[in-house]
């Protein structure tokens, strides 16, 4: 009986997560799920990549969901994103400073269980959602490229996560 309850809760939760991605991209299906990103002994988040029919193309719309497992300040998430972009090779300080300000204005503080979604639109802009609520957009294809490269580029600092998200064996 308890096992059946857990299975029902898991399925309902999975359907809720998929429905946000499907609201953003009709026909979206999970491409892959990442292992938990941990730092020292803290679990930070788990990620899932969604694309039309589960087929990822970096030049087409997709959604990256981050399921947070601990409290973090939005400002710190933005700073860490800039650090990761720099590790991808971007060194334009004026551009990075502008993007940092934009992300700090968008990214909320998160707690255990917060679901943030990043969407690459057809036009190449980035839209951000807290659950199914739009919280901001950065209309710059170069930002979109570097932001999602944090997880999806061959140069990512988390290659196991990339492989899991892209479902690469």
C-alpha atoms as a PDB file:
ATOM      1  CA  UNK A   1       0.000   0.000   0.000  1.00  0.00           C
ATOM      2  CA  UNK A   2       2.761   2.469   0.936  1.00  0.00           C
ATOM      3  CA  UNK A   3       4.771   1.481  -2.135  1.00  0.00           C
ATOM      4  CA  UNK A   4       1.719   2.119  -4.336  1.00  0.00           C
ATOM      5  CA  UNK A   5       1.316   5.575  -2.733  1.00  0.00           C
ATOM      6  CA  UNK A   6       4.969   6.439  -3.455  1.00  0.00           C
ATOM      7  CA  UNK A   7       4.621   5.258  -7.062  1.00  0.00           C
ATOM      8  CA  UNK A   8       1.494   7.420  -7.499  1.00  0.00           C
ATOM      9  CA  UNK A   9       3.230  10.452  -5.970  1.00  0.00           C
ATOM     10  CA  UNK A  10       6.284   9.915  -8.181  1.00  0.00           C
ATOM     11  CA  UNK A  11       4.159   9.654 -11.327  1.00  0.00           C
ATOM     12  CA  UNK A  12       2.109  12.732 -10.430  1.00  0.00           C
ATOM     13  CA  UNK A  13       5.280  14.695  -9.715  1.00  0.00           C
ATOM     14  CA  UNK A  14       6.917  13.553 -12.960  1.00  0.00           C
ATOM     15  CA  UNK A  15       3.824  14.540 -14.939  1.00  0.00           C
ATOM     16  CA  UNK A  16       3.800  17.984 -13.297  1.00  0.00           C
ATOM     17  CA  UNK A  17       7.444  18.553 -14.238  1.00  0.00           C
ATOM     18  CA  UNK A  18       6.876  17.433 -17.804  1.00  0.00           C
ATOM     19  CA  UNK A  19       3.783  19.588 -18.108  1.00  0.00           C
ATOM     20  CA  UNK A  20       5.774  22.807 -17.492  1.00  0.00           C
ATOM     21  CA  UNK A  21       8.255  21.825 -20.208  1.00  0.00           C
ATOM     22  CA  UNK A  22       5.363  20.823 -22.486  1.00  0.00           C
ATOM     23  CA  UNK A  23       3.658  24.161 -21.856  1.00  0.00           C
ATOM     24  CA  UNK A  24       6.836  25.876 -23.017  1.00  0.00           C
ATOM     25  CA  UNK A  25       7.529  23.519 -25.938  1.00  0.00           C
ATOM     26  CA  UNK A  26       4.618  21.428 -27.230  1.00  0.00           C
ATOM     27  CA  UNK A  27       5.689  17.823 -27.630  1.00  0.00           C
ATOM     28  CA  UNK A  28       8.643  18.248 -25.267  1.00  0.00           C
ATOM     29  CA  UNK A  29      10.014  15.049 -23.797  1.00  0.00           C
ATOM     30  CA  UNK A  30      12.967  14.429 -21.527  1.00  0.00           C
ATOM     31  CA  UNK A  31      16.248  13.936 -23.354  1.00  0.00           C
ATOM     32  CA  UNK A  32      18.095  13.028 -20.158  1.00  0.00           C
ATOM     33  CA  UNK A  33      18.380  13.503 -16.400  1.00  0.00           C
ATOM     34  CA  UNK A  34      21.585  14.400 -14.625  1.00  0.00           C
ATOM     35  CA  UNK A  35      23.032  12.911 -11.500  1.00  0.00           C
ATOM     36  CA  UNK A  36      22.817  15.212  -8.473  1.00  0.00           C
ATOM     37  CA  UNK A  37      25.320  18.055  -8.607  1.00  0.00           C
ATOM     38  CA  UNK A  38      27.094  18.129  -5.266  1.00  0.00           C
ATOM     39  CA  UNK A  39      29.710  20.423  -3.786  1.00  0.00           C
ATOM     40  CA  UNK A  40      31.705  19.007  -0.898  1.00  0.00           C
ATOM     41  CA  UNK A  41      28.927  17.320   1.110  1.00  0.00           C
ATOM     42  CA  UNK A  42      26.024  19.508  -0.101  1.00  0.00           C
ATOM     43  CA  UNK A  43      23.609  18.372  -2.786  1.00  0.00           C
ATOM     44  CA  UNK A  44      22.882  21.408  -4.980  1.00  0.00           C
ATOM     45  CA  UNK A  45      20.468  20.403  -7.756  1.00  0.00           C
ATOM     46  CA  UNK A  46      19.363  17.822 -10.283  1.00  0.00           C
ATOM     47  CA  UNK A  47      18.800  18.764 -13.913  1.00  0.00           C
ATOM     48  CA  UNK A  48      16.590  17.505 -16.738  1.00  0.00           C
ATOM     49  CA  UNK A  49      16.839  18.511 -20.389  1.00  0.00           C
ATOM     50  CA  UNK A  50      13.655  18.609 -22.504  1.00  0.00           C
ATOM     51  CA  UNK A  51      13.374  18.966 -26.275  1.00  0.00           C
ATOM     52  CA  UNK A  52      10.716  18.347 -28.927  1.00  0.00           C
ATOM     53  CA  UNK A  53      10.116  14.594 -29.047  1.00  0.00           C
ATOM     54  CA  UNK A  54      13.194  14.150 -26.834  1.00  0.00           C
ATOM     55  CA  UNK A  55      15.525  15.108 -29.713  1.00  0.00           C
ATOM     56  CA  UNK A  56      18.047  17.774 -28.671  1.00  0.00           C
ATOM     57  CA  UNK A  57      19.379  20.327 -31.160  1.00  0.00           C
ATOM     58  CA  UNK A  58      21.312  23.278 -29.728  1.00  0.00           C
ATOM     59  CA  UNK A  59      19.904  25.537 -32.468  1.00  0.00           C
ATOM     60  CA  UNK A  60      16.273  24.671 -31.724  1.00  0.00           C
ATOM     61  CA  UNK A  61      14.044  25.303 -28.708  1.00  0.00           C
ATOM     62  CA  UNK A  62      14.731  23.296 -25.562  1.00  0.00           C
ATOM     63  CA  UNK A  63      14.159  23.571 -21.815  1.00  0.00           C
ATOM     64  CA  UNK A  64      16.570  22.887 -18.971  1.00  0.00           C
ATOM     65  CA  UNK A  65      14.971  22.264 -15.572  1.00  0.00           C
ATOM     66  CA  UNK A  66      16.967  22.670 -12.370  1.00  0.00           C
ATOM     67  CA  UNK A  67      15.427  21.079  -9.283  1.00  0.00           C
ATOM     68  CA  UNK A  68      17.175  22.672  -6.311  1.00  0.00           C
ATOM     69  CA  UNK A  69      17.995  20.573  -3.258  1.00  0.00           C
ATOM     70  CA  UNK A  70      19.113  23.386  -0.960  1.00  0.00           C
ATOM     71  CA  UNK A  71      18.636  27.087  -0.332  1.00  0.00           C
ATOM     72  CA  UNK A  72      20.735  29.457  -2.463  1.00  0.00           C
ATOM     73  CA  UNK A  73      20.564  33.179  -3.123  1.00  0.00           C
ATOM     74  CA  UNK A  74      19.647  34.207  -6.658  1.00  0.00           C
ATOM     75  CA  UNK A  75      22.551  36.647  -6.682  1.00  0.00           C
ATOM     76  CA  UNK A  76      24.979  33.795  -5.983  1.00  0.00           C
ATOM     77  CA  UNK A  77      23.430  31.654  -8.726  1.00  0.00           C
ATOM     78  CA  UNK A  78      24.015  34.535 -11.156  1.00  0.00           C
ATOM     79  CA  UNK A  79      27.642  34.982 -10.022  1.00  0.00           C
ATOM     80  CA  UNK A  80      28.326  31.264 -10.366  1.00  0.00           C
ATOM     81  CA  UNK A  81      26.793  31.320 -13.860  1.00  0.00           C
ATOM     82  CA  UNK A  82      29.226  34.084 -14.880  1.00  0.00           C
ATOM     83  CA  UNK A  83      32.165  32.097 -13.481  1.00  0.00           C
ATOM     84  CA  UNK A  84      31.098  29.082 -15.535  1.00  0.00           C
ATOM     85  CA  UNK A  85      30.745  31.220 -18.689  1.00  0.00           C
ATOM     86  CA  UNK A  86      34.295  32.481 -18.135  1.00  0.00           C
ATOM     87  CA  UNK A  87      35.461  28.869 -17.925  1.00  0.00           C
ATOM     88  CA  UNK A  88      33.858  28.387 -21.359  1.00  0.00           C
ATOM     89  CA  UNK A  89      36.312  30.997 -22.660  1.00  0.00           C
ATOM     90  CA  UNK A  90      34.241  34.188 -22.604  1.00  0.00           C
ATOM     91  CA  UNK A  91      36.381  37.054 -21.293  1.00  0.00           C
ATOM     92  CA  UNK A  92      34.435  40.164 -22.402  1.00  0.00           C
ATOM     93  CA  UNK A  93      34.149  41.881 -19.002  1.00  0.00           C
ATOM     94  CA  UNK A  94      31.627  44.522 -20.154  1.00  0.00           C
ATOM     95  CA  UNK A  95      29.337  41.854 -21.573  1.00  0.00           C
ATOM     96  CA  UNK A  96      29.714  39.610 -18.524  1.00  0.00           C
ATOM     97  CA  UNK A  97      28.947  42.532 -16.218  1.00  0.00           C
ATOM     98  CA  UNK A  98      25.795  43.352 -18.174  1.00  0.00           C
ATOM     99  CA  UNK A  99      24.655  39.737 -18.113  1.00  0.00           C
ATOM    100  CA  UNK A 100      25.399  39.462 -14.383  1.00  0.00           C
ATOM    101  CA  UNK A 101      23.124  42.429 -13.657  1.00  0.00           C
ATOM    102  CA  UNK A 102      20.363  40.973 -15.825  1.00  0.00           C
ATOM    103  CA  UNK A 103      20.581  37.543 -14.177  1.00  0.00           C
ATOM    104  CA  UNK A 104      20.664  39.061 -10.683  1.00  0.00           C
ATOM    105  CA  UNK A 105      17.432  40.904 -11.525  1.00  0.00           C
ATOM    106  CA  UNK A 106      15.820  37.657 -12.756  1.00  0.00           C
ATOM    107  CA  UNK A 107      17.066  34.773 -10.616  1.00  0.00           C
ATOM    108  CA  UNK A 108      15.133  34.334  -7.350  1.00  0.00           C
ATOM    109  CA  UNK A 109      16.439  32.936  -4.110  1.00  0.00           C
ATOM    110  CA  UNK A 110      15.709  29.206  -4.095  1.00  0.00           C
ATOM    111  CA  UNK A 111      14.969  26.619  -1.423  1.00  0.00           C
ATOM    112  CA  UNK A 112      14.884  22.844  -1.359  1.00  0.00           C
ATOM    113  CA  UNK A 113      12.290  21.881  -3.971  1.00  0.00           C
ATOM    114  CA  UNK A 114      12.364  25.057  -6.104  1.00  0.00           C
ATOM    115  CA  UNK A 115      12.062  24.299  -9.827  1.00  0.00           C
ATOM    116  CA  UNK A 116      13.656  26.808 -12.192  1.00  0.00           C
ATOM    117  CA  UNK A 117      13.375  26.382 -15.945  1.00  0.00           C
ATOM    118  CA  UNK A 118      15.562  27.932 -18.632  1.00  0.00           C
ATOM    119  CA  UNK A 119      14.111  27.937 -22.141  1.00  0.00           C
ATOM    120  CA  UNK A 120      15.991  28.494 -25.393  1.00  0.00           C
ATOM    121  CA  UNK A 121      13.395  30.036 -27.687  1.00  0.00           C
ATOM    122  CA  UNK A 122      13.073  29.637 -31.448  1.00  0.00           C
ATOM    123  CA  UNK A 123      14.669  33.103 -31.807  1.00  0.00           C
ATOM    124  CA  UNK A 124      17.623  32.163 -29.585  1.00  0.00           C
ATOM    125  CA  UNK A 125      16.691  34.196 -26.528  1.00  0.00           C
ATOM    126  CA  UNK A 126      16.600  32.806 -22.989  1.00  0.00           C
ATOM    127  CA  UNK A 127      13.436  32.814 -20.902  1.00  0.00           C
ATOM    128  CA  UNK A 128      13.434  31.879 -17.243  1.00  0.00           C
ATOM    129  CA  UNK A 129      10.550  30.431 -15.246  1.00  0.00           C
ATOM    130  CA  UNK A 130       9.969  29.706 -11.580  1.00  0.00           C
ATOM    131  CA  UNK A 131       7.564  26.805 -11.989  1.00  0.00           C
ATOM    132  CA  UNK A 132       5.294  27.933 -14.816  1.00  0.00           C
ATOM    133  CA  UNK A 133       5.658  31.655 -14.012  1.00  0.00           C
ATOM    134  CA  UNK A 134       7.836  33.705 -16.373  1.00  0.00           C
ATOM    135  CA  UNK A 135      10.376  35.595 -14.250  1.00  0.00           C
ATOM    136  CA  UNK A 136      12.524  37.142 -16.975  1.00  0.00           C
ATOM    137  CA  UNK A 137      14.060  37.030 -20.422  1.00  0.00           C
ATOM    138  CA  UNK A 138      17.455  37.868 -21.875  1.00  0.00           C
ATOM    139  CA  UNK A 139      17.067  38.517 -25.587  1.00  0.00           C
ATOM    140  CA  UNK A 140      20.634  37.857 -26.685  1.00  0.00           C
ATOM    141  CA  UNK A 141      21.575  34.722 -28.666  1.00  0.00           C
ATOM    142  CA  UNK A 142      25.181  35.039 -27.475  1.00  0.00           C
ATOM    143  CA  UNK A 143      24.007  34.931 -23.844  1.00  0.00           C
ATOM    144  CA  UNK A 144      21.861  31.896 -24.642  1.00  0.00           C
ATOM    145  CA  UNK A 145      24.824  30.106 -26.196  1.00  0.00           C
ATOM    146  CA  UNK A 146      27.128  30.704 -23.233  1.00  0.00           C
ATOM    147  CA  UNK A 147      24.511  30.226 -20.536  1.00  0.00           C
ATOM    148  CA  UNK A 148      23.370  26.796 -21.690  1.00  0.00           C
ATOM    149  CA  UNK A 149      26.975  25.821 -22.513  1.00  0.00           C
ATOM    150  CA  UNK A 150      27.448  25.668 -18.737  1.00  0.00           C
ATOM    151  CA  UNK A 151      25.657  22.299 -18.888  1.00  0.00           C
ATOM    152  CA  UNK A 152      25.658  21.277 -22.551  1.00  0.00           C
ATOM    153  CA  UNK A 153      29.034  22.258 -24.035  1.00  0.00           C
ATOM    154  CA  UNK A 154      31.860  19.805 -24.570  1.00  0.00           C
ATOM    155  CA  UNK A 155      33.910  22.244 -22.453  1.00  0.00           C
ATOM    156  CA  UNK A 156      31.594  22.045 -19.428  1.00  0.00           C
ATOM    157  CA  UNK A 157      33.161  21.631 -16.004  1.00  0.00           C
ATOM    158  CA  UNK A 158      30.652  18.805 -15.398  1.00  0.00           C
ATOM    159  CA  UNK A 159      31.140  16.311 -18.266  1.00  0.00           C
ATOM    160  CA  UNK A 160      29.212  13.484 -16.537  1.00  0.00           C
ATOM    161  CA  UNK A 161      26.225  15.799 -16.157  1.00  0.00           C
ATOM    162  CA  UNK A 162      26.441  16.772 -19.842  1.00  0.00           C
ATOM    163  CA  UNK A 163      26.511  13.143 -20.932  1.00  0.00           C
ATOM    164  CA  UNK A 164      23.505  12.312 -18.754  1.00  0.00           C
ATOM    165  CA  UNK A 165      21.500  15.343 -19.950  1.00  0.00           C
ATOM    166  CA  UNK A 166      22.255  14.595 -23.614  1.00  0.00           C
ATOM    167  CA  UNK A 167      21.765  10.861 -23.043  1.00  0.00           C
ATOM    168  CA  UNK A 168      25.215  10.065 -24.413  1.00  0.00           C
ATOM    169  CA  UNK A 169      26.578   6.640 -23.504  1.00  0.00           C
END
